[in-house]
Amino acid sequence: MSDRLVIFLVIVLIGLVSTPVSMALADLDVPDWALFSGHVSMFLAGLICAEIGRRTNP
């Protein structure tokens, strides 16, 4: 598989894992802003890791 495809699949996996976690946290009455910021930070972390990986492995 292409390295770029693997990186995108890892980002998608991070997004899919965040959904059940946020569903569990919603049952614990966590505020909506905290759930939203958690989703955004997971996607941003995946994109940052992808950029770091792309620059170190040309």
C-alpha atoms as a PDB file:
ATOM      1  CA  MET A   1       0.000   0.000   0.000  1.00  0.00           C
ATOM      2  CA  SER A   2       1.050   3.537  -0.584  1.00  0.00           C
ATOM      3  CA  ASP A   3       2.421   5.406   2.425  1.00  0.00           C
ATOM      4  CA  ARG A   4      -0.043   8.216   1.864  1.00  0.00           C
ATOM      5  CA  LEU A   5      -2.973   5.767   1.897  1.00  0.00           C
ATOM      6  CA  VAL A   6      -1.766   4.260   5.171  1.00  0.00           C
ATOM      7  CA  ILE A   7      -1.553   7.722   6.715  1.00  0.00           C
ATOM      8  CA  PHE A   8      -5.108   8.548   5.636  1.00  0.00           C
ATOM      9  CA  LEU A   9      -6.365   5.210   6.986  1.00  0.00           C
ATOM     10  CA  VAL A  10      -4.770   5.980  10.353  1.00  0.00           C
ATOM     11  CA  ILE A  11      -6.542   9.351  10.419  1.00  0.00           C
ATOM     12  CA  VAL A  12      -9.863   7.648   9.622  1.00  0.00           C
ATOM     13  CA  LEU A  13      -9.215   5.081  12.363  1.00  0.00           C
ATOM     14  CA  ILE A  14      -8.636   7.889  14.871  1.00  0.00           C
ATOM     15  CA  GLY A  15     -11.948   9.424  13.828  1.00  0.00           C
ATOM     16  CA  LEU A  16     -13.816   6.127  14.121  1.00  0.00           C
ATOM     17  CA  VAL A  17     -12.380   5.425  17.570  1.00  0.00           C
ATOM     18  CA  SER A  18     -13.418   8.853  18.823  1.00  0.00           C
ATOM     19  CA  THR A  19     -17.107   8.203  18.106  1.00  0.00           C
ATOM     20  CA  PRO A  20     -17.730   5.413  20.684  1.00  0.00           C
ATOM     21  CA  VAL A  21     -15.644   7.278  23.249  1.00  0.00           C
ATOM     22  CA  SER A  22     -17.759  10.391  22.835  1.00  0.00           C
ATOM     23  CA  MET A  23     -20.961   8.350  22.997  1.00  0.00           C
ATOM     24  CA  ALA A  24     -19.817   6.950  26.336  1.00  0.00           C
ATOM     25  CA  LEU A  25     -18.907  10.416  27.568  1.00  0.00           C
ATOM     26  CA  ALA A  26     -22.286  11.774  26.470  1.00  0.00           C
ATOM     27  CA  ASP A  27     -23.900   9.313  28.882  1.00  0.00           C
ATOM     28  CA  LEU A  28     -21.797  10.859  31.645  1.00  0.00           C
ATOM     29  CA  ASP A  29     -23.227  14.335  30.901  1.00  0.00           C
ATOM     30  CA  VAL A  30     -20.015  15.818  29.543  1.00  0.00           C
ATOM     31  CA  PRO A  31     -20.679  19.270  28.009  1.00  0.00           C
ATOM     32  CA  ASP A  32     -21.124  19.453  24.241  1.00  0.00           C
ATOM     33  CA  TRP A  33     -18.188  21.821  23.787  1.00  0.00           C
ATOM     34  CA  ALA A  34     -15.877  19.261  25.413  1.00  0.00           C
ATOM     35  CA  LEU A  35     -17.063  16.503  23.053  1.00  0.00           C
ATOM     36  CA  PHE A  36     -16.612  18.750  20.019  1.00  0.00           C
ATOM     37  CA  SER A  37     -13.150  19.902  21.056  1.00  0.00           C
ATOM     38  CA  GLY A  38     -12.126  16.280  21.649  1.00  0.00           C
ATOM     39  CA  HIS A  39     -13.149  15.325  18.109  1.00  0.00           C
ATOM     40  CA  VAL A  40     -11.347  18.272  16.590  1.00  0.00           C
ATOM     41  CA  SER A  41      -8.171  17.659  18.574  1.00  0.00           C
ATOM     42  CA  MET A  42      -8.080  13.973  17.540  1.00  0.00           C
ATOM     43  CA  PHE A  43      -8.352  14.878  13.862  1.00  0.00           C
ATOM     44  CA  LEU A  44      -5.731  17.607  14.211  1.00  0.00           C
ATOM     45  CA  ALA A  45      -3.370  15.220  15.976  1.00  0.00           C
ATOM     46  CA  GLY A  46      -3.767  12.757  13.106  1.00  0.00           C
ATOM     47  CA  LEU A  47      -3.062  15.434  10.517  1.00  0.00           C
ATOM     48  CA  ILE A  48       0.013  16.640  12.413  1.00  0.00           C
ATOM     49  CA  CYS A  49       1.337  13.071  12.628  1.00  0.00           C
ATOM     50  CA  ALA A  50       0.720  12.656   8.902  1.00  0.00           C
ATOM     51  CA  GLU A  51       2.664  15.809   8.098  1.00  0.00           C
ATOM     52  CA  ILE A  52       5.556  14.792  10.347  1.00  0.00           C
ATOM     53  CA  GLY A  53       5.631  11.341   8.762  1.00  0.00           C
ATOM     54  CA  ARG A  54       5.518  12.771   5.271  1.00  0.00           C
ATOM     55  CA  ARG A  55       8.428  15.126   5.914  1.00  0.00           C
ATOM     56  CA  THR A  56      10.682  12.530   7.548  1.00  0.00           C
ATOM     57  CA  ASN A  57       9.994   9.810   4.933  1.00  0.00           C
ATOM     58  CA  PRO A  58      10.072  11.517   1.510  1.00  0.00           C
END
